[in-house]
Amino acid sequence: MIVRCVDNLFQTDVLVRGREYEVLGERDDCYILSGFDKGFSKARFEIALSRRSSRVHCGVRQPLDS
């Protein structure tokens, strides 16, 4: 699963708002992200659309079948 960071408050030295991260697992209401040793609260992220199943048109993601 891919998630996008929507809140990097108190984590600006680690997370980048708007960047997408790969989730390796979940534990205690946290996402375990690829490349990190610790979990981050799920509240900091939104689930991102798969890049393979969407395209960007004028800055808006749209399904490939539309």
PDB file of N, CA and C in Angstrom:
ATOM      1  N   MET A   1       0.848  -1.164   0.000  1.00  0.00           N
ATOM      2  CA  MET A   1       0.000   0.000   0.000  1.00  0.00           C
ATOM      3  C   MET A   1       0.899   1.235   0.000  1.00  0.00           C
ATOM      4  N   ILE A   2       0.436   2.272  -0.657  1.00  0.00           N
ATOM      5  CA  ILE A   2       1.159   3.545  -0.715  1.00  0.00           C
ATOM      6  C   ILE A   2       0.331   4.592   0.027  1.00  0.00           C
ATOM      7  N   VAL A   3       0.990   5.365   0.896  1.00  0.00           N
ATOM      8  CA  VAL A   3       0.322   6.443   1.617  1.00  0.00           C
ATOM      9  C   VAL A   3       1.043   7.756   1.337  1.00  0.00           C
ATOM     10  N   ARG A   4       0.298   8.851   1.468  1.00  0.00           N
ATOM     11  CA  ARG A   4       0.854  10.193   1.250  1.00  0.00           C
ATOM     12  C   ARG A   4       0.848  10.929   2.589  1.00  0.00           C
ATOM     13  N   CYS A   5       1.955  11.559   2.910  1.00  0.00           N
ATOM     14  CA  CYS A   5       2.079  12.325   4.147  1.00  0.00           C
ATOM     15  C   CYS A   5       1.255  13.611   4.038  1.00  0.00           C
ATOM     16  N   VAL A   6       0.353  13.831   4.988  1.00  0.00           N
ATOM     17  CA  VAL A   6      -0.455  15.050   5.010  1.00  0.00           C
ATOM     18  C   VAL A   6      -0.139  15.916   6.225  1.00  0.00           C
ATOM     19  N   ASP A   7       0.672  15.409   7.154  1.00  0.00           N
ATOM     20  CA  ASP A   7       1.021  16.151   8.368  1.00  0.00           C
ATOM     21  C   ASP A   7       2.414  15.712   8.833  1.00  0.00           C
ATOM     22  N   ASN A   8       3.369  16.628   8.777  1.00  0.00           N
ATOM     23  CA  ASN A   8       4.720  16.294   9.237  1.00  0.00           C
ATOM     24  C   ASN A   8       5.110  17.087  10.477  1.00  0.00           C
ATOM     25  N   LEU A   9       4.124  17.639  11.193  1.00  0.00           N
ATOM     26  CA  LEU A   9       4.371  18.396  12.402  1.00  0.00           C
ATOM     27  C   LEU A   9       5.191  17.560  13.387  1.00  0.00           C
ATOM     28  N   PHE A  10       6.231  18.111  13.915  1.00  0.00           N
ATOM     29  CA  PHE A  10       7.167  17.455  14.842  1.00  0.00           C
ATOM     30  C   PHE A  10       7.990  16.360  14.172  1.00  0.00           C
ATOM     31  N   GLN A  11       7.853  16.162  12.870  1.00  0.00           N
ATOM     32  CA  GLN A  11       8.614  15.148  12.146  1.00  0.00           C
ATOM     33  C   GLN A  11       9.224  15.737  10.868  1.00  0.00           C
ATOM     34  N   THR A  12       9.422  17.056  10.828  1.00  0.00           N
ATOM     35  CA  THR A  12       9.906  17.698   9.603  1.00  0.00           C
ATOM     36  C   THR A  12      11.299  17.244   9.201  1.00  0.00           C
ATOM     37  N   ASP A  13      12.084  16.743  10.151  1.00  0.00           N
ATOM     38  CA  ASP A  13      13.424  16.254   9.818  1.00  0.00           C
ATOM     39  C   ASP A  13      13.368  14.830   9.259  1.00  0.00           C
ATOM     40  N   VAL A  14      12.173  14.195   9.288  1.00  0.00           N
ATOM     41  CA  VAL A  14      12.038  12.809   8.844  1.00  0.00           C
ATOM     42  C   VAL A  14      11.059  12.675   7.680  1.00  0.00           C
ATOM     43  N   LEU A  15       9.852  13.235   7.841  1.00  0.00           N
ATOM     44  CA  LEU A  15       8.803  13.104   6.832  1.00  0.00           C
ATOM     45  C   LEU A  15       8.683  14.362   5.990  1.00  0.00           C
ATOM     46  N   VAL A  16       8.254  14.193   4.742  1.00  0.00           N
ATOM     47  CA  VAL A  16       8.035  15.319   3.837  1.00  0.00           C
ATOM     48  C   VAL A  16       6.562  15.339   3.468  1.00  0.00           C
ATOM     49  N   ARG A  17       5.877  16.444   3.771  1.00  0.00           N
ATOM     50  CA  ARG A  17       4.458  16.557   3.439  1.00  0.00           C
ATOM     51  C   ARG A  17       4.273  16.466   1.923  1.00  0.00           C
ATOM     52  N   GLY A  18       3.332  15.632   1.501  1.00  0.00           N
ATOM     53  CA  GLY A  18       3.065  15.437   0.086  1.00  0.00           C
ATOM     54  C   GLY A  18       3.815  14.259  -0.521  1.00  0.00           C
ATOM     55  N   ARG A  19       4.849  13.780   0.136  1.00  0.00           N
ATOM     56  CA  ARG A  19       5.619  12.641  -0.371  1.00  0.00           C
ATOM     57  C   ARG A  19       4.859  11.344  -0.118  1.00  0.00           C
ATOM     58  N   GLU A  20       4.995  10.412  -1.032  1.00  0.00           N
ATOM     59  CA  GLU A  20       4.358   9.109  -0.900  1.00  0.00           C
ATOM     60  C   GLU A  20       5.361   8.098  -0.344  1.00  0.00           C
ATOM     61  N   TYR A  21       4.868   7.238   0.542  1.00  0.00           N
ATOM     62  CA  TYR A  21       5.700   6.241   1.214  1.00  0.00           C
ATOM     63  C   TYR A  21       5.051   4.869   1.073  1.00  0.00           C
ATOM     64  N   GLU A  22       5.881   3.837   0.991  1.00  0.00           N
ATOM     65  CA  GLU A  22       5.406   2.463   0.933  1.00  0.00           C
ATOM     66  C   GLU A  22       5.224   1.935   2.352  1.00  0.00           C
ATOM     67  N   VAL A  23       4.061   1.335   2.613  1.00  0.00           N
ATOM     68  CA  VAL A  23       3.768   0.754   3.929  1.00  0.00           C
ATOM     69  C   VAL A  23       4.169  -0.712   3.911  1.00  0.00           C
ATOM     70  N   LEU A  24       5.020  -1.091   4.865  1.00  0.00           N
ATOM     71  CA  LEU A  24       5.447  -2.482   4.992  1.00  0.00           C
ATOM     72  C   LEU A  24       4.550  -3.252   5.947  1.00  0.00           C
ATOM     73  N   GLY A  25       3.933  -2.533   6.899  1.00  0.00           N
ATOM     74  CA  GLY A  25       3.070  -3.179   7.879  1.00  0.00           C
ATOM     75  C   GLY A  25       2.387  -2.153   8.755  1.00  0.00           C
ATOM     76  N   GLU A  26       1.537  -2.648   9.651  1.00  0.00           N
ATOM     77  CA  GLU A  26       0.817  -1.796  10.588  1.00  0.00           C
ATOM     78  C   GLU A  26       0.950  -2.384  11.987  1.00  0.00           C
ATOM     79  N   ARG A  27       1.074  -1.484  12.976  1.00  0.00           N
ATOM     80  CA  ARG A  27       1.181  -1.925  14.363  1.00  0.00           C
ATOM     81  C   ARG A  27       0.760  -0.780  15.281  1.00  0.00           C
ATOM     82  N   ASP A  28      -0.117  -1.070  16.236  1.00  0.00           N
ATOM     83  CA  ASP A  28      -0.525  -0.089  17.246  1.00  0.00           C
ATOM     84  C   ASP A  28      -0.990   1.226  16.632  1.00  0.00           C
ATOM     85  N   ASP A  29      -1.862   1.158  15.623  1.00  0.00           N
ATOM     86  CA  ASP A  29      -2.409   2.330  14.931  1.00  0.00           C
ATOM     87  C   ASP A  29      -1.320   3.185  14.271  1.00  0.00           C
ATOM     88  N   CYS A  30      -0.234   2.511  13.870  1.00  0.00           N
ATOM     89  CA  CYS A  30       0.868   3.170  13.176  1.00  0.00           C
ATOM     90  C   CYS A  30       1.202   2.415  11.892  1.00  0.00           C
ATOM     91  N   TYR A  31       1.725   3.141  10.912  1.00  0.00           N
ATOM     92  CA  TYR A  31       2.251   2.528   9.699  1.00  0.00           C
ATOM     93  C   TYR A  31       3.749   2.319   9.868  1.00  0.00           C
ATOM     94  N   ILE A  32       4.221   1.161   9.464  1.00  0.00           N
ATOM     95  CA  ILE A  32       5.647   0.889   9.392  1.00  0.00           C
ATOM     96  C   ILE A  32       6.028   1.146   7.935  1.00  0.00           C
ATOM     97  N   LEU A  33       6.849   2.155   7.709  1.00  0.00           N
ATOM     98  CA  LEU A  33       7.184   2.591   6.352  1.00  0.00           C
ATOM     99  C   LEU A  33       8.524   2.033   5.908  1.00  0.00           C
ATOM    100  N   SER A  34       8.628   1.779   4.626  1.00  0.00           N
ATOM    101  CA  SER A  34       9.877   1.308   4.038  1.00  0.00           C
ATOM    102  C   SER A  34      10.981   2.335   4.302  1.00  0.00           C
ATOM    103  N   GLY A  35      12.109   1.872   4.806  1.00  0.00           N
ATOM    104  CA  GLY A  35      13.245   2.745   5.037  1.00  0.00           C
ATOM    105  C   GLY A  35      13.304   3.364   6.426  1.00  0.00           C
ATOM    106  N   PHE A  36      12.308   3.063   7.281  1.00  0.00           N
ATOM    107  CA  PHE A  36      12.292   3.627   8.634  1.00  0.00           C
ATOM    108  C   PHE A  36      12.245   2.508   9.664  1.00  0.00           C
ATOM    109  N   ASP A  37      12.853   2.761  10.827  1.00  0.00           N
ATOM    110  CA  ASP A  37      12.893   1.766  11.905  1.00  0.00           C
ATOM    111  C   ASP A  37      11.694   1.855  12.837  1.00  0.00           C
ATOM    112  N   LYS A  38      10.975   2.977  12.818  1.00  0.00           N
ATOM    113  CA  LYS A  38       9.867   3.165  13.755  1.00  0.00           C
ATOM    114  C   LYS A  38       8.567   3.389  13.001  1.00  0.00           C
ATOM    115  N   GLY A  39       7.459   3.266  13.730  1.00  0.00           N
ATOM    116  CA  GLY A  39       6.152   3.496  13.142  1.00  0.00           C
ATOM    117  C   GLY A  39       5.752   4.962  13.225  1.00  0.00           C
ATOM    118  N   PHE A  40       4.849   5.361  12.345  1.00  0.00           N
ATOM    119  CA  PHE A  40       4.314   6.716  12.329  1.00  0.00           C
ATOM    120  C   PHE A  40       2.801   6.629  12.401  1.00  0.00           C
ATOM    121  N   SER A  41       2.188   7.519  13.172  1.00  0.00           N
ATOM    122  CA  SER A  41       0.748   7.526  13.358  1.00  0.00           C
ATOM    123  C   SER A  41       0.011   7.565  12.017  1.00  0.00           C
ATOM    124  N   LYS A  42      -1.016   6.737  11.897  1.00  0.00           N
ATOM    125  CA  LYS A  42      -1.825   6.708  10.672  1.00  0.00           C
ATOM    126  C   LYS A  42      -2.476   8.056  10.387  1.00  0.00           C
ATOM    127  N   ALA A  43      -2.697   8.855  11.436  1.00  0.00           N
ATOM    128  CA  ALA A  43      -3.329  10.167  11.265  1.00  0.00           C
ATOM    129  C   ALA A  43      -2.487  11.101  10.402  1.00  0.00           C
ATOM    130  N   ARG A  44      -1.213  10.840  10.254  1.00  0.00           N
ATOM    131  CA  ARG A  44      -0.326  11.682   9.450  1.00  0.00           C
ATOM    132  C   ARG A  44      -0.431  11.411   7.950  1.00  0.00           C
ATOM    133  N   PHE A  45      -1.197  10.394   7.565  1.00  0.00           N
ATOM    134  CA  PHE A  45      -1.195   9.944   6.177  1.00  0.00           C
ATOM    135  C   PHE A  45      -2.597   9.761   5.620  1.00  0.00           C
ATOM    136  N   GLU A  46      -2.679   9.795   4.286  1.00  0.00           N
ATOM    137  CA  GLU A  46      -3.878   9.378   3.577  1.00  0.00           C
ATOM    138  C   GLU A  46      -3.451   8.319   2.578  1.00  0.00           C
ATOM    139  N   ILE A  47      -4.343   7.417   2.268  1.00  0.00           N
ATOM    140  CA  ILE A  47      -4.019   6.368   1.309  1.00  0.00           C
ATOM    141  C   ILE A  47      -3.959   6.997  -0.077  1.00  0.00           C
ATOM    142  N   ALA A  48      -2.878   6.739  -0.788  1.00  0.00           N
ATOM    143  CA  ALA A  48      -2.673   7.299  -2.130  1.00  0.00           C
ATOM    144  C   ALA A  48      -3.199   6.315  -3.166  1.00  0.00           C
ATOM    145  N   LEU A  49      -3.681   6.857  -4.261  1.00  0.00           N
ATOM    146  CA  LEU A  49      -4.106   6.008  -5.362  1.00  0.00           C
ATOM    147  C   LEU A  49      -2.903   5.329  -5.967  1.00  0.00           C
ATOM    148  N   SER A  50      -3.096   4.133  -6.455  1.00  0.00           N
ATOM    149  CA  SER A  50      -2.014   3.417  -7.130  1.00  0.00           C
ATOM    150  C   SER A  50      -1.614   4.177  -8.386  1.00  0.00           C
ATOM    151  N   ARG A  51      -0.336   4.322  -8.607  1.00  0.00           N
ATOM    152  CA  ARG A  51       0.141   5.014  -9.810  1.00  0.00           C
ATOM    153  C   ARG A  51      -0.189   4.239 -11.069  1.00  0.00           C
ATOM    154  N   ARG A  52      -0.290   2.929 -10.957  1.00  0.00           N
ATOM    155  CA  ARG A  52      -0.597   2.112 -12.124  1.00  0.00           C
ATOM    156  C   ARG A  52      -2.053   2.212 -12.541  1.00  0.00           C
ATOM    157  N   SER A  53      -2.942   2.506 -11.584  1.00  0.00           N
ATOM    158  CA  SER A  53      -4.364   2.525 -11.897  1.00  0.00           C
ATOM    159  C   SER A  53      -4.910   3.936 -12.082  1.00  0.00           C
ATOM    160  N   SER A  54      -4.033   4.912 -12.201  1.00  0.00           N
ATOM    161  CA  SER A  54      -4.505   6.272 -12.385  1.00  0.00           C
ATOM    162  C   SER A  54      -3.547   7.059 -13.270  1.00  0.00           C
ATOM    163  N   ARG A  55      -4.022   8.192 -13.731  1.00  0.00           N
ATOM    164  CA  ARG A  55      -3.175   9.105 -14.494  1.00  0.00           C
ATOM    165  C   ARG A  55      -3.442  10.509 -13.992  1.00  0.00           C
ATOM    166  N   VAL A  56      -2.510  11.391 -14.217  1.00  0.00           N
ATOM    167  CA  VAL A  56      -2.672  12.765 -13.762  1.00  0.00           C
ATOM    168  C   VAL A  56      -3.027  13.621 -14.963  1.00  0.00           C
ATOM    169  N   HIS A  57      -4.128  14.363 -14.835  1.00  0.00           N
ATOM    170  CA  HIS A  57      -4.573  15.263 -15.895  1.00  0.00           C
ATOM    171  C   HIS A  57      -4.872  16.603 -15.240  1.00  0.00           C
ATOM    172  N   CYS A  58      -4.141  17.636 -15.600  1.00  0.00           N
ATOM    173  CA  CYS A  58      -4.306  18.974 -15.025  1.00  0.00           C
ATOM    174  C   CYS A  58      -4.165  18.941 -13.504  1.00  0.00           C
ATOM    175  N   GLY A  59      -3.256  18.106 -12.996  1.00  0.00           N
ATOM    176  CA  GLY A  59      -3.001  18.045 -11.571  1.00  0.00           C
ATOM    177  C   GLY A  59      -3.991  17.214 -10.781  1.00  0.00           C
ATOM    178  N   VAL A  60      -4.967  16.581 -11.452  1.00  0.00           N
ATOM    179  CA  VAL A  60      -5.972  15.765 -10.776  1.00  0.00           C
ATOM    180  C   VAL A  60      -5.829  14.323 -11.227  1.00  0.00           C
ATOM    181  N   ARG A  61      -5.771  13.411 -10.281  1.00  0.00           N
ATOM    182  CA  ARG A  61      -5.676  11.993 -10.629  1.00  0.00           C
ATOM    183  C   ARG A  61      -7.020  11.492 -11.119  1.00  0.00           C
ATOM    184  N   GLN A  62      -6.982  10.719 -12.207  1.00  0.00           N
ATOM    185  CA  GLN A  62      -8.198  10.138 -12.763  1.00  0.00           C
ATOM    186  C   GLN A  62      -7.933   8.691 -13.073  1.00  0.00           C
ATOM    187  N   PRO A  63      -8.975   7.812 -12.956  1.00  0.00           N
ATOM    188  CA  PRO A  63      -8.801   6.414 -13.333  1.00  0.00           C
ATOM    189  C   PRO A  63      -8.430   6.279 -14.808  1.00  0.00           C
ATOM    190  N   LEU A  64      -7.668   5.226 -15.144  1.00  0.00           N
ATOM    191  CA  LEU A  64      -7.248   5.021 -16.533  1.00  0.00           C
ATOM    192  C   LEU A  64      -8.418   4.732 -17.460  1.00  0.00           C
ATOM    193  N   ASP A  65      -9.511   4.143 -16.937  1.00  0.00           N
ATOM    194  CA  ASP A  65     -10.629   3.765 -17.798  1.00  0.00           C
ATOM    195  C   ASP A  65     -11.577   4.903 -18.109  1.00  0.00           C
ATOM    196  N   SER A  66     -11.303   6.139 -17.660  1.00  0.00           N
ATOM    197  CA  SER A  66     -12.202   7.250 -17.957  1.00  0.00           C
ATOM    198  C   SER A  66     -11.742   8.020 -19.175  1.00  0.00           C
TER     199      SER A  66
END
